[in-house]
Amino acid sequence: MKTIEDLQKIREEMQSKISLRKDDGDSIRVVVGMATCGIAAGARPVLEALVDEVGRRQLKNVIVTQTGCIGVCRLEPIVEVFEKDKEKVTYVKMDPEMARTLVSEHLVNGRVVQAWTIGASE
């Protein structure tokens, strides 16, 4: 059985993770396509890399979530970035290292990595 202190520590850890997902309207929302096509192409490690990097950098204004099929299976894994008052950016053929770079370049420094977008791929 856990002590009260152990349970309080677990509660605090979970609340900090949940607070990463709260949308206050000004948050940046990062969505990873996690349908079977995305998972087969490697979306799960991409999602994990995004969550880890956002947590490591303590980016409180970023919400990382998942969705089903985005509709362009041949370009999976796909990551979409939604920012208030900006056009959605769709990144394609992502891998975990690209996901970590996306966090530093796009989410932290505000520079879209054009070479990885759907427009560049097409």
PDB file of N, CA and C in Angstrom:
ATOM      1  N   MET A   1       0.839  -1.180   0.000  1.00  0.00           N
ATOM      2  CA  MET A   1       0.000   0.000   0.000  1.00  0.00           C
ATOM      3  C   MET A   1       0.882   1.242   0.000  1.00  0.00           C
ATOM      4  N   LYS A   2       0.448   2.238  -0.711  1.00  0.00           N
ATOM      5  CA  LYS A   2       1.187   3.490  -0.810  1.00  0.00           C
ATOM      6  C   LYS A   2       0.858   4.382   0.386  1.00  0.00           C
ATOM      7  N   THR A   3       1.836   5.215   0.729  1.00  0.00           N
ATOM      8  CA  THR A   3       1.602   6.173   1.808  1.00  0.00           C
ATOM      9  C   THR A   3       0.864   7.387   1.233  1.00  0.00           C
ATOM     10  N   ILE A   4       0.349   8.217   2.101  1.00  0.00           N
ATOM     11  CA  ILE A   4      -0.328   9.444   1.675  1.00  0.00           C
ATOM     12  C   ILE A   4       0.641  10.333   0.885  1.00  0.00           C
ATOM     13  N   GLU A   5       1.883  10.388   1.318  1.00  0.00           N
ATOM     14  CA  GLU A   5       2.884  11.193   0.629  1.00  0.00           C
ATOM     15  C   GLU A   5       3.112  10.682  -0.794  1.00  0.00           C
ATOM     16  N   ASP A   6       3.189   9.340  -0.947  1.00  0.00           N
ATOM     17  CA  ASP A   6       3.363   8.754  -2.275  1.00  0.00           C
ATOM     18  C   ASP A   6       2.186   9.105  -3.175  1.00  0.00           C
ATOM     19  N   LEU A   7       0.996   8.988  -2.648  1.00  0.00           N
ATOM     20  CA  LEU A   7      -0.205   9.292  -3.427  1.00  0.00           C
ATOM     21  C   LEU A   7      -0.262  10.772  -3.808  1.00  0.00           C
ATOM     22  N   GLN A   8       0.136  11.651  -2.896  1.00  0.00           N
ATOM     23  CA  GLN A   8       0.148  13.087  -3.201  1.00  0.00           C
ATOM     24  C   GLN A   8       1.168  13.402  -4.298  1.00  0.00           C
ATOM     25  N   LYS A   9       2.320  12.732  -4.270  1.00  0.00           N
ATOM     26  CA  LYS A   9       3.342  12.946  -5.293  1.00  0.00           C
ATOM     27  C   LYS A   9       2.819  12.489  -6.657  1.00  0.00           C
ATOM     28  N   ILE A  10       2.162  11.333  -6.702  1.00  0.00           N
ATOM     29  CA  ILE A  10       1.577  10.829  -7.948  1.00  0.00           C
ATOM     30  C   ILE A  10       0.524  11.804  -8.457  1.00  0.00           C
ATOM     31  N   ARG A  11      -0.299  12.316  -7.562  1.00  0.00           N
ATOM     32  CA  ARG A  11      -1.345  13.272  -7.942  1.00  0.00           C
ATOM     33  C   ARG A  11      -0.737  14.536  -8.545  1.00  0.00           C
ATOM     34  N   GLU A  12       0.309  15.063  -7.924  1.00  0.00           N
ATOM     35  CA  GLU A  12       0.968  16.275  -8.422  1.00  0.00           C
ATOM     36  C   GLU A  12       1.584  16.045  -9.797  1.00  0.00           C
ATOM     37  N   GLU A  13       2.216  14.887  -9.991  1.00  0.00           N
ATOM     38  CA  GLU A  13       2.817  14.562 -11.284  1.00  0.00           C
ATOM     39  C   GLU A  13       1.748  14.494 -12.373  1.00  0.00           C
ATOM     40  N   MET A  14       0.639  13.848 -12.070  1.00  0.00           N
ATOM     41  CA  MET A  14      -0.431  13.716 -13.059  1.00  0.00           C
ATOM     42  C   MET A  14      -1.076  15.064 -13.352  1.00  0.00           C
ATOM     43  N   GLN A  15      -1.240  15.905 -12.355  1.00  0.00           N
ATOM     44  CA  GLN A  15      -1.828  17.222 -12.588  1.00  0.00           C
ATOM     45  C   GLN A  15      -0.930  18.078 -13.466  1.00  0.00           C
ATOM     46  N   SER A  16       0.381  17.952 -13.322  1.00  0.00           N
ATOM     47  CA  SER A  16       1.280  18.729 -14.176  1.00  0.00           C
ATOM     48  C   SER A  16       1.185  18.244 -15.619  1.00  0.00           C
ATOM     49  N   LYS A  17       1.008  16.944 -15.829  1.00  0.00           N
ATOM     50  CA  LYS A  17       0.841  16.419 -17.179  1.00  0.00           C
ATOM     51  C   LYS A  17      -0.482  16.870 -17.778  1.00  0.00           C
ATOM     52  N   ILE A  18      -1.530  16.853 -16.978  1.00  0.00           N
ATOM     53  CA  ILE A  18      -2.840  17.271 -17.460  1.00  0.00           C
ATOM     54  C   ILE A  18      -2.820  18.750 -17.811  1.00  0.00           C
ATOM     55  N   SER A  19      -2.111  19.554 -17.044  1.00  0.00           N
ATOM     56  CA  SER A  19      -2.076  20.988 -17.320  1.00  0.00           C
ATOM     57  C   SER A  19      -1.420  21.268 -18.666  1.00  0.00           C
ATOM     58  N   LEU A  20      -0.570  20.365 -19.148  1.00  0.00           N
ATOM     59  CA  LEU A  20       0.024  20.527 -20.469  1.00  0.00           C
ATOM     60  C   LEU A  20      -1.031  20.431 -21.556  1.00  0.00           C
ATOM     61  N   ARG A  21      -2.159  19.780 -21.255  1.00  0.00           N
ATOM     62  CA  ARG A  21      -3.177  19.543 -22.257  1.00  0.00           C
ATOM     63  C   ARG A  21      -4.342  20.514 -22.200  1.00  0.00           C
ATOM     64  N   LYS A  22      -4.388  21.407 -21.233  1.00  0.00           N
ATOM     65  CA  LYS A  22      -5.488  22.351 -21.128  1.00  0.00           C
ATOM     66  C   LYS A  22      -5.371  23.402 -22.219  1.00  0.00           C
ATOM     67  N   ASP A  23      -6.476  23.676 -22.884  1.00  0.00           N
ATOM     68  CA  ASP A  23      -6.483  24.659 -23.962  1.00  0.00           C
ATOM     69  C   ASP A  23      -7.088  25.950 -23.459  1.00  0.00           C
ATOM     70  N   ASP A  24      -6.284  27.015 -23.418  1.00  0.00           N
ATOM     71  CA  ASP A  24      -6.773  28.297 -22.938  1.00  0.00           C
ATOM     72  C   ASP A  24      -7.157  29.217 -24.091  1.00  0.00           C
ATOM     73  N   GLY A  25      -7.175  28.714 -25.304  1.00  0.00           N
ATOM     74  CA  GLY A  25      -7.515  29.516 -26.460  1.00  0.00           C
ATOM     75  C   GLY A  25      -6.294  30.085 -27.167  1.00  0.00           C
ATOM     76  N   ASP A  26      -5.229  30.327 -26.447  1.00  0.00           N
ATOM     77  CA  ASP A  26      -3.996  30.838 -27.045  1.00  0.00           C
ATOM     78  C   ASP A  26      -2.946  29.744 -27.184  1.00  0.00           C
ATOM     79  N   SER A  27      -3.312  28.534 -26.826  1.00  0.00           N
ATOM     80  CA  SER A  27      -2.358  27.435 -26.883  1.00  0.00           C
ATOM     81  C   SER A  27      -2.075  27.028 -28.330  1.00  0.00           C
ATOM     82  N   ILE A  28      -0.906  26.471 -28.522  1.00  0.00           N
ATOM     83  CA  ILE A  28      -0.546  25.854 -29.795  1.00  0.00           C
ATOM     84  C   ILE A  28      -0.949  24.389 -29.679  1.00  0.00           C
ATOM     85  N   ARG A  29      -1.712  23.909 -30.656  1.00  0.00           N
ATOM     86  CA  ARG A  29      -2.162  22.520 -30.628  1.00  0.00           C
ATOM     87  C   ARG A  29      -1.396  21.739 -31.691  1.00  0.00           C
ATOM     88  N   VAL A  30      -0.740  20.662 -31.259  1.00  0.00           N
ATOM     89  CA  VAL A  30       0.025  19.796 -32.148  1.00  0.00           C
ATOM     90  C   VAL A  30      -0.702  18.458 -32.193  1.00  0.00           C
ATOM     91  N   VAL A  31      -1.098  18.046 -33.406  1.00  0.00           N
ATOM     92  CA  VAL A  31      -1.914  16.845 -33.576  1.00  0.00           C
ATOM     93  C   VAL A  31      -1.154  15.835 -34.435  1.00  0.00           C
ATOM     94  N   VAL A  32      -1.082  14.610 -33.943  1.00  0.00           N
ATOM     95  CA  VAL A  32      -0.395  13.532 -34.662  1.00  0.00           C
ATOM     96  C   VAL A  32      -1.449  12.548 -35.165  1.00  0.00           C
ATOM     97  N   GLY A  33      -1.390  12.214 -36.453  1.00  0.00           N
ATOM     98  CA  GLY A  33      -2.295  11.219 -37.026  1.00  0.00           C
ATOM     99  C   GLY A  33      -1.936   9.835 -36.529  1.00  0.00           C
ATOM    100  N   MET A  34      -2.899   9.224 -35.798  1.00  0.00           N
ATOM    101  CA  MET A  34      -2.621   7.929 -35.179  1.00  0.00           C
ATOM    102  C   MET A  34      -3.609   6.850 -35.622  1.00  0.00           C
ATOM    103  N   ALA A  35      -4.066   6.914 -36.877  1.00  0.00           N
ATOM    104  CA  ALA A  35      -4.851   5.806 -37.419  1.00  0.00           C
ATOM    105  C   ALA A  35      -3.877   4.665 -37.718  1.00  0.00           C
ATOM    106  N   THR A  36      -4.391   3.544 -38.177  1.00  0.00           N
ATOM    107  CA  THR A  36      -3.502   2.399 -38.425  1.00  0.00           C
ATOM    108  C   THR A  36      -2.412   2.735 -39.431  1.00  0.00           C
ATOM    109  N   CYS A  37      -2.732   3.571 -40.423  1.00  0.00           N
ATOM    110  CA  CYS A  37      -1.706   3.942 -41.415  1.00  0.00           C
ATOM    111  C   CYS A  37      -0.588   4.741 -40.753  1.00  0.00           C
ATOM    112  N   GLY A  38      -0.937   5.657 -39.880  1.00  0.00           N
ATOM    113  CA  GLY A  38       0.065   6.455 -39.174  1.00  0.00           C
ATOM    114  C   GLY A  38       0.902   5.617 -38.237  1.00  0.00           C
ATOM    115  N   ILE A  39       0.236   4.746 -37.494  1.00  0.00           N
ATOM    116  CA  ILE A  39       0.956   3.885 -36.555  1.00  0.00           C
ATOM    117  C   ILE A  39       1.922   2.971 -37.305  1.00  0.00           C
ATOM    118  N   ALA A  40       1.457   2.406 -38.414  1.00  0.00           N
ATOM    119  CA  ALA A  40       2.312   1.513 -39.209  1.00  0.00           C
ATOM    120  C   ALA A  40       3.520   2.262 -39.765  1.00  0.00           C
ATOM    121  N   ALA A  41       3.361   3.545 -40.042  1.00  0.00           N
ATOM    122  CA  ALA A  41       4.451   4.347 -40.612  1.00  0.00           C
ATOM    123  C   ALA A  41       5.393   4.906 -39.540  1.00  0.00           C
ATOM    124  N   GLY A  42       5.040   4.753 -38.248  1.00  0.00           N
ATOM    125  CA  GLY A  42       5.927   5.203 -37.184  1.00  0.00           C
ATOM    126  C   GLY A  42       5.437   6.403 -36.397  1.00  0.00           C
ATOM    127  N   ALA A  43       4.136   6.632 -36.367  1.00  0.00           N
ATOM    128  CA  ALA A  43       3.593   7.803 -35.671  1.00  0.00           C
ATOM    129  C   ALA A  43       3.758   7.728 -34.150  1.00  0.00           C
ATOM    130  N   ARG A  44       3.725   6.542 -33.583  1.00  0.00           N
ATOM    131  CA  ARG A  44       3.821   6.442 -32.120  1.00  0.00           C
ATOM    132  C   ARG A  44       5.144   7.014 -31.587  1.00  0.00           C
ATOM    133  N   PRO A  45       6.302   6.652 -32.144  1.00  0.00           N
ATOM    134  CA  PRO A  45       7.552   7.269 -31.672  1.00  0.00           C
ATOM    135  C   PRO A  45       7.600   8.779 -31.923  1.00  0.00           C
ATOM    136  N   VAL A  46       6.945   9.239 -32.983  1.00  0.00           N
ATOM    137  CA  VAL A  46       6.877  10.683 -33.262  1.00  0.00           C
ATOM    138  C   VAL A  46       6.074  11.371 -32.165  1.00  0.00           C
ATOM    139  N   LEU A  47       4.927  10.810 -31.823  1.00  0.00           N
ATOM    140  CA  LEU A  47       4.086  11.355 -30.752  1.00  0.00           C
ATOM    141  C   LEU A  47       4.866  11.385 -29.439  1.00  0.00           C
ATOM    142  N   GLU A  48       5.543  10.297 -29.116  1.00  0.00           N
ATOM    143  CA  GLU A  48       6.315  10.229 -27.874  1.00  0.00           C
ATOM    144  C   GLU A  48       7.435  11.272 -27.858  1.00  0.00           C
ATOM    145  N   ALA A  49       8.109  11.465 -28.988  1.00  0.00           N
ATOM    146  CA  ALA A  49       9.184  12.459 -29.060  1.00  0.00           C
ATOM    147  C   ALA A  49       8.630  13.866 -28.847  1.00  0.00           C
ATOM    148  N   LEU A  50       7.473  14.158 -29.435  1.00  0.00           N
ATOM    149  CA  LEU A  50       6.850  15.474 -29.251  1.00  0.00           C
ATOM    150  C   LEU A  50       6.479  15.707 -27.792  1.00  0.00           C
ATOM    151  N   VAL A  51       5.818  14.730 -27.188  1.00  0.00           N
ATOM    152  CA  VAL A  51       5.406  14.853 -25.785  1.00  0.00           C
ATOM    153  C   VAL A  51       6.625  15.026 -24.885  1.00  0.00           C
ATOM    154  N   ASP A  52       7.655  14.214 -25.117  1.00  0.00           N
ATOM    155  CA  ASP A  52       8.869  14.294 -24.297  1.00  0.00           C
ATOM    156  C   ASP A  52       9.545  15.652 -24.433  1.00  0.00           C
ATOM    157  N   GLU A  53       9.684  16.132 -25.672  1.00  0.00           N
ATOM    158  CA  GLU A  53      10.394  17.396 -25.897  1.00  0.00           C
ATOM    159  C   GLU A  53       9.606  18.589 -25.357  1.00  0.00           C
ATOM    160  N   VAL A  54       8.297  18.583 -25.540  1.00  0.00           N
ATOM    161  CA  VAL A  54       7.457  19.660 -24.993  1.00  0.00           C
ATOM    162  C   VAL A  54       7.541  19.645 -23.466  1.00  0.00           C
ATOM    163  N   GLY A  55       7.497  18.466 -22.866  1.00  0.00           N
ATOM    164  CA  GLY A  55       7.627  18.355 -21.414  1.00  0.00           C
ATOM    165  C   GLY A  55       8.994  18.766 -20.917  1.00  0.00           C
ATOM    166  N   ARG A  56      10.042  18.347 -21.617  1.00  0.00           N
ATOM    167  CA  ARG A  56      11.412  18.678 -21.226  1.00  0.00           C
ATOM    168  C   ARG A  56      11.639  20.188 -21.247  1.00  0.00           C
ATOM    169  N   ARG A  57      11.052  20.842 -22.237  1.00  0.00           N
ATOM    170  CA  ARG A  57      11.201  22.293 -22.366  1.00  0.00           C
ATOM    171  C   ARG A  57      10.162  23.066 -21.546  1.00  0.00           C
ATOM    172  N   GLN A  58       9.244  22.334 -20.924  1.00  0.00           N
ATOM    173  CA  GLN A  58       8.191  22.922 -20.086  1.00  0.00           C
ATOM    174  C   GLN A  58       7.393  23.983 -20.846  1.00  0.00           C
ATOM    175  N   LEU A  59       6.966  23.612 -22.048  1.00  0.00           N
ATOM    176  CA  LEU A  59       6.176  24.521 -22.886  1.00  0.00           C
ATOM    177  C   LEU A  59       4.713  24.433 -22.455  1.00  0.00           C
ATOM    178  N   LYS A  60       4.306  25.320 -21.596  1.00  0.00           N
ATOM    179  CA  LYS A  60       2.956  25.279 -21.020  1.00  0.00           C
ATOM    180  C   LYS A  60       1.881  25.687 -22.019  1.00  0.00           C
ATOM    181  N   ASN A  61       2.262  26.357 -23.116  1.00  0.00           N
ATOM    182  CA  ASN A  61       1.284  26.814 -24.092  1.00  0.00           C
ATOM    183  C   ASN A  61       1.092  25.835 -25.250  1.00  0.00           C
ATOM    184  N   VAL A  62       1.670  24.627 -25.145  1.00  0.00           N
ATOM    185  CA  VAL A  62       1.596  23.639 -26.222  1.00  0.00           C
ATOM    186  C   VAL A  62       0.815  22.415 -25.751  1.00  0.00           C
ATOM    187  N   ILE A  63      -0.158  22.020 -26.575  1.00  0.00           N
ATOM    188  CA  ILE A  63      -0.950  20.816 -26.310  1.00  0.00           C
ATOM    189  C   ILE A  63      -0.611  19.809 -27.399  1.00  0.00           C
ATOM    190  N   VAL A  64      -0.140  18.642 -27.017  1.00  0.00           N
ATOM    191  CA  VAL A  64       0.148  17.576 -27.975  1.00  0.00           C
ATOM    192  C   VAL A  64      -0.956  16.538 -27.831  1.00  0.00           C
ATOM    193  N   THR A  65      -1.595  16.215 -28.945  1.00  0.00           N
ATOM    194  CA  THR A  65      -2.699  15.267 -28.920  1.00  0.00           C
ATOM    195  C   THR A  65      -2.650  14.399 -30.172  1.00  0.00           C
ATOM    196  N   GLN A  66      -3.586  13.500 -30.276  1.00  0.00           N
ATOM    197  CA  GLN A  66      -3.619  12.604 -31.430  1.00  0.00           C
ATOM    198  C   GLN A  66      -5.000  12.615 -32.049  1.00  0.00           C
ATOM    199  N   THR A  67      -5.060  12.167 -33.294  1.00  0.00           N
ATOM    200  CA  THR A  67      -6.321  12.071 -34.006  1.00  0.00           C
ATOM    201  C   THR A  67      -6.297  10.806 -34.849  1.00  0.00           C
ATOM    202  N   GLY A  68      -7.376  10.547 -35.522  1.00  0.00           N
ATOM    203  CA  GLY A  68      -7.451   9.396 -36.423  1.00  0.00           C
ATOM    204  C   GLY A  68      -6.799   9.734 -37.753  1.00  0.00           C
ATOM    205  N   CYS A  69      -7.369   9.200 -38.801  1.00  0.00           N
ATOM    206  CA  CYS A  69      -6.812   9.375 -40.139  1.00  0.00           C
ATOM    207  C   CYS A  69      -6.917  10.827 -40.589  1.00  0.00           C
ATOM    208  N   ILE A  70      -5.824  11.367 -41.067  1.00  0.00           N
ATOM    209  CA  ILE A  70      -5.801  12.734 -41.592  1.00  0.00           C
ATOM    210  C   ILE A  70      -6.132  12.718 -43.083  1.00  0.00           C
ATOM    211  N   GLY A  71      -5.933  11.582 -43.734  1.00  0.00           N
ATOM    212  CA  GLY A  71      -6.401  11.430 -45.101  1.00  0.00           C
ATOM    213  C   GLY A  71      -5.351  11.348 -46.187  1.00  0.00           C
ATOM    214  N   VAL A  72      -4.094  11.409 -45.838  1.00  0.00           N
ATOM    215  CA  VAL A  72      -3.037  11.325 -46.848  1.00  0.00           C
ATOM    216  C   VAL A  72      -2.052  10.239 -46.400  1.00  0.00           C
ATOM    217  N   CYS A  73      -2.498   9.016 -46.438  1.00  0.00           N
ATOM    218  CA  CYS A  73      -1.747   7.898 -45.851  1.00  0.00           C
ATOM    219  C   CYS A  73      -0.330   7.763 -46.392  1.00  0.00           C
ATOM    220  N   ARG A  74      -0.122   8.084 -47.654  1.00  0.00           N
ATOM    221  CA  ARG A  74       1.204   7.923 -48.254  1.00  0.00           C
ATOM    222  C   ARG A  74       2.240   8.891 -47.672  1.00  0.00           C
ATOM    223  N   LEU A  75       1.768   9.899 -46.919  1.00  0.00           N
ATOM    224  CA  LEU A  75       2.675  10.898 -46.343  1.00  0.00           C
ATOM    225  C   LEU A  75       2.841  10.749 -44.831  1.00  0.00           C
ATOM    226  N   GLU A  76       2.329   9.665 -44.271  1.00  0.00           N
ATOM    227  CA  GLU A  76       2.443   9.429 -42.828  1.00  0.00           C
ATOM    228  C   GLU A  76       3.894   9.173 -42.442  1.00  0.00           C
ATOM    229  N   PRO A  77       4.223   9.407 -41.205  1.00  0.00           N
ATOM    230  CA  PRO A  77       3.493  10.056 -40.117  1.00  0.00           C
ATOM    231  C   PRO A  77       3.296  11.559 -40.384  1.00  0.00           C
ATOM    232  N   ILE A  78       2.090  12.023 -40.056  1.00  0.00           N
ATOM    233  CA  ILE A  78       1.710  13.417 -40.269  1.00  0.00           C
ATOM    234  C   ILE A  78       1.519  14.107 -38.921  1.00  0.00           C
ATOM    235  N   VAL A  79       2.029  15.338 -38.834  1.00  0.00           N
ATOM    236  CA  VAL A  79       1.865  16.176 -37.638  1.00  0.00           C
ATOM    237  C   VAL A  79       1.297  17.509 -38.104  1.00  0.00           C
ATOM    238  N   GLU A  80       0.200  17.937 -37.479  1.00  0.00           N
ATOM    239  CA  GLU A  80      -0.387  19.231 -37.805  1.00  0.00           C
ATOM    240  C   GLU A  80      -0.222  20.176 -36.625  1.00  0.00           C
ATOM    241  N   VAL A  81       0.106  21.429 -36.926  1.00  0.00           N
ATOM    242  CA  VAL A  81       0.295  22.452 -35.891  1.00  0.00           C
ATOM    243  C   VAL A  81      -0.755  23.538 -36.108  1.00  0.00           C
ATOM    244  N   PHE A  82      -1.560  23.774 -35.075  1.00  0.00           N
ATOM    245  CA  PHE A  82      -2.609  24.788 -35.108  1.00  0.00           C
ATOM    246  C   PHE A  82      -2.248  25.893 -34.129  1.00  0.00           C
ATOM    247  N   GLU A  83      -2.150  27.119 -34.655  1.00  0.00           N
ATOM    248  CA  GLU A  83      -1.886  28.285 -33.821  1.00  0.00           C
ATOM    249  C   GLU A  83      -2.983  29.312 -34.065  1.00  0.00           C
ATOM    250  N   LYS A  84      -3.369  30.009 -33.022  1.00  0.00           N
ATOM    251  CA  LYS A  84      -4.425  31.006 -33.115  1.00  0.00           C
ATOM    252  C   LYS A  84      -4.046  32.067 -34.156  1.00  0.00           C
ATOM    253  N   ASP A  85      -5.015  32.370 -35.014  1.00  0.00           N
ATOM    254  CA  ASP A  85      -4.879  33.404 -36.041  1.00  0.00           C
ATOM    255  C   ASP A  85      -3.791  33.106 -37.072  1.00  0.00           C
ATOM    256  N   LYS A  86      -3.418  31.830 -37.227  1.00  0.00           N
ATOM    257  CA  LYS A  86      -2.454  31.431 -38.254  1.00  0.00           C
ATOM    258  C   LYS A  86      -3.017  30.235 -39.010  1.00  0.00           C
ATOM    259  N   GLU A  87      -2.505  30.026 -40.218  1.00  0.00           N
ATOM    260  CA  GLU A  87      -2.910  28.849 -40.979  1.00  0.00           C
ATOM    261  C   GLU A  87      -2.302  27.595 -40.371  1.00  0.00           C
ATOM    262  N   LYS A  88      -3.040  26.506 -40.474  1.00  0.00           N
ATOM    263  CA  LYS A  88      -2.541  25.213 -40.020  1.00  0.00           C
ATOM    264  C   LYS A  88      -1.305  24.852 -40.835  1.00  0.00           C
ATOM    265  N   VAL A  89      -0.312  24.257 -40.164  1.00  0.00           N
ATOM    266  CA  VAL A  89       0.888  23.766 -40.841  1.00  0.00           C
ATOM    267  C   VAL A  89       0.860  22.246 -40.748  1.00  0.00           C
ATOM    268  N   THR A  90       1.000  21.579 -41.889  1.00  0.00           N
ATOM    269  CA  THR A  90       0.988  20.120 -41.933  1.00  0.00           C
ATOM    270  C   THR A  90       2.381  19.618 -42.303  1.00  0.00           C
ATOM    271  N   TYR A  91       2.984  18.893 -41.362  1.00  0.00           N
ATOM    272  CA  TYR A  91       4.295  18.277 -41.578  1.00  0.00           C
ATOM    273  C   TYR A  91       4.085  16.819 -41.962  1.00  0.00           C
ATOM    274  N   VAL A  92       4.884  16.325 -42.908  1.00  0.00           N
ATOM    275  CA  VAL A  92       4.713  14.963 -43.407  1.00  0.00           C
ATOM    276  C   VAL A  92       6.004  14.165 -43.314  1.00  0.00           C
ATOM    277  N   LYS A  93       5.829  12.839 -43.360  1.00  0.00           N
ATOM    278  CA  LYS A  93       6.949  11.892 -43.330  1.00  0.00           C
ATOM    279  C   LYS A  93       7.881  12.170 -42.150  1.00  0.00           C
ATOM    280  N   MET A  94       7.282  12.366 -40.986  1.00  0.00           N
ATOM    281  CA  MET A  94       8.025  12.733 -39.790  1.00  0.00           C
ATOM    282  C   MET A  94       8.695  11.521 -39.151  1.00  0.00           C
ATOM    283  N   ASP A  95       9.751  11.787 -38.410  1.00  0.00           N
ATOM    284  CA  ASP A  95      10.379  10.778 -37.561  1.00  0.00           C
ATOM    285  C   ASP A  95      10.667  11.443 -36.209  1.00  0.00           C
ATOM    286  N   PRO A  96      11.082  10.681 -35.203  1.00  0.00           N
ATOM    287  CA  PRO A  96      11.279  11.271 -33.876  1.00  0.00           C
ATOM    288  C   PRO A  96      12.287  12.424 -33.842  1.00  0.00           C
ATOM    289  N   GLU A  97      13.369  12.319 -34.589  1.00  0.00           N
ATOM    290  CA  GLU A  97      14.366  13.402 -34.592  1.00  0.00           C
ATOM    291  C   GLU A  97      13.788  14.668 -35.231  1.00  0.00           C
ATOM    292  N   MET A  98      13.045  14.497 -36.308  1.00  0.00           N
ATOM    293  CA  MET A  98      12.379  15.640 -36.936  1.00  0.00           C
ATOM    294  C   MET A  98      11.385  16.265 -35.962  1.00  0.00           C
ATOM    295  N   ALA A  99      10.696  15.431 -35.192  1.00  0.00           N
ATOM    296  CA  ALA A  99       9.712  15.934 -34.226  1.00  0.00           C
ATOM    297  C   ALA A  99      10.396  16.803 -33.170  1.00  0.00           C
ATOM    298  N   ARG A 100      11.541  16.384 -32.687  1.00  0.00           N
ATOM    299  CA  ARG A 100      12.274  17.187 -31.694  1.00  0.00           C
ATOM    300  C   ARG A 100      12.731  18.518 -32.306  1.00  0.00           C
ATOM    301  N   THR A 101      13.176  18.469 -33.547  1.00  0.00           N
ATOM    302  CA  THR A 101      13.583  19.691 -34.236  1.00  0.00           C
ATOM    303  C   THR A 101      12.381  20.601 -34.468  1.00  0.00           C
ATOM    304  N   LEU A 102      11.238  20.019 -34.807  1.00  0.00           N
ATOM    305  CA  LEU A 102      10.011  20.799 -34.991  1.00  0.00           C
ATOM    306  C   LEU A 102       9.687  21.591 -33.728  1.00  0.00           C
ATOM    307  N   VAL A 103       9.857  20.964 -32.574  1.00  0.00           N
ATOM    308  CA  VAL A 103       9.585  21.665 -31.312  1.00  0.00           C
ATOM    309  C   VAL A 103      10.498  22.884 -31.184  1.00  0.00           C
ATOM    310  N   SER A 104      11.797  22.695 -31.413  1.00  0.00           N
ATOM    311  CA  SER A 104      12.715  23.826 -31.232  1.00  0.00           C
ATOM    312  C   SER A 104      12.523  24.895 -32.303  1.00  0.00           C
ATOM    313  N   GLU A 105      12.376  24.492 -33.557  1.00  0.00           N
ATOM    314  CA  GLU A 105      12.272  25.467 -34.640  1.00  0.00           C
ATOM    315  C   GLU A 105      10.906  26.135 -34.700  1.00  0.00           C
ATOM    316  N   HIS A 106       9.855  25.331 -34.788  1.00  0.00           N
ATOM    317  CA  HIS A 106       8.519  25.895 -34.994  1.00  0.00           C
ATOM    318  C   HIS A 106       7.876  26.367 -33.693  1.00  0.00           C
ATOM    319  N   LEU A 107       7.829  25.504 -32.699  1.00  0.00           N
ATOM    320  CA  LEU A 107       7.086  25.836 -31.485  1.00  0.00           C
ATOM    321  C   LEU A 107       7.821  26.834 -30.594  1.00  0.00           C
ATOM    322  N   VAL A 108       9.133  26.744 -30.524  1.00  0.00           N
ATOM    323  CA  VAL A 108       9.890  27.650 -29.660  1.00  0.00           C
ATOM    324  C   VAL A 108      10.287  28.922 -30.409  1.00  0.00           C
ATOM    325  N   ASN A 109      10.846  28.768 -31.628  1.00  0.00           N
ATOM    326  CA  ASN A 109      11.397  29.914 -32.344  1.00  0.00           C
ATOM    327  C   ASN A 109      10.464  30.494 -33.409  1.00  0.00           C
ATOM    328  N   GLY A 110       9.318  29.843 -33.644  1.00  0.00           N
ATOM    329  CA  GLY A 110       8.341  30.380 -34.582  1.00  0.00           C
ATOM    330  C   GLY A 110       8.716  30.273 -36.048  1.00  0.00           C
ATOM    331  N   ARG A 111       9.646  29.376 -36.370  1.00  0.00           N
ATOM    332  CA  ARG A 111      10.072  29.200 -37.757  1.00  0.00           C
ATOM    333  C   ARG A 111       9.530  27.889 -38.308  1.00  0.00           C
ATOM    334  N   VAL A 112       8.622  27.971 -39.260  1.00  0.00           N
ATOM    335  CA  VAL A 112       8.083  26.774 -39.904  1.00  0.00           C
ATOM    336  C   VAL A 112       9.206  26.113 -40.693  1.00  0.00           C
ATOM    337  N   VAL A 113       9.314  24.800 -40.568  1.00  0.00           N
ATOM    338  CA  VAL A 113      10.329  24.045 -41.311  1.00  0.00           C
ATOM    339  C   VAL A 113       9.690  23.694 -42.652  1.00  0.00           C
ATOM    340  N   GLN A 114       9.814  24.592 -43.614  1.00  0.00           N
ATOM    341  CA  GLN A 114       9.131  24.476 -44.905  1.00  0.00           C
ATOM    342  C   GLN A 114       9.441  23.174 -45.635  1.00  0.00           C
ATOM    343  N   ALA A 115      10.657  22.704 -45.532  1.00  0.00           N
ATOM    344  CA  ALA A 115      11.071  21.506 -46.281  1.00  0.00           C
ATOM    345  C   ALA A 115      10.297  20.259 -45.861  1.00  0.00           C
ATOM    346  N   TRP A 116       9.691  20.280 -44.662  1.00  0.00           N
ATOM    347  CA  TRP A 116       8.980  19.111 -44.171  1.00  0.00           C
ATOM    348  C   TRP A 116       7.461  19.244 -44.306  1.00  0.00           C
ATOM    349  N   THR A 117       6.981  20.324 -44.904  1.00  0.00           N
ATOM    350  CA  THR A 117       5.539  20.544 -44.989  1.00  0.00           C
ATOM    351  C   THR A 117       4.944  19.803 -46.185  1.00  0.00           C
ATOM    352  N   ILE A 118       3.638  19.671 -46.155  1.00  0.00           N
ATOM    353  CA  ILE A 118       2.942  18.973 -47.235  1.00  0.00           C
ATOM    354  C   ILE A 118       3.136  19.694 -48.550  1.00  0.00           C
ATOM    355  N   GLY A 119       3.222  21.015 -48.524  1.00  0.00           N
ATOM    356  CA  GLY A 119       3.444  21.783 -49.753  1.00  0.00           C
ATOM    357  C   GLY A 119       4.773  21.465 -50.399  1.00  0.00           C
ATOM    358  N   ALA A 120       5.810  21.319 -49.622  1.00  0.00           N
ATOM    359  CA  ALA A 120       7.134  20.990 -50.145  1.00  0.00           C
ATOM    360  C   ALA A 120       7.170  19.561 -50.669  1.00  0.00           C
ATOM    361  N   SER A 121       6.425  18.679 -50.021  1.00  0.00           N
ATOM    362  CA  SER A 121       6.406  17.270 -50.413  1.00  0.00           C
ATOM    363  C   SER A 121       5.679  17.067 -51.720  1.00  0.00           C
ATOM    364  N   GLU A 122       4.642  17.849 -51.944  1.00  0.00           N
ATOM    365  CA  GLU A 122       3.844  17.713 -53.161  1.00  0.00           C
ATOM    366  C   GLU A 122       4.557  18.447 -54.254  1.00  0.00           C
TER     367      GLU A 122
END
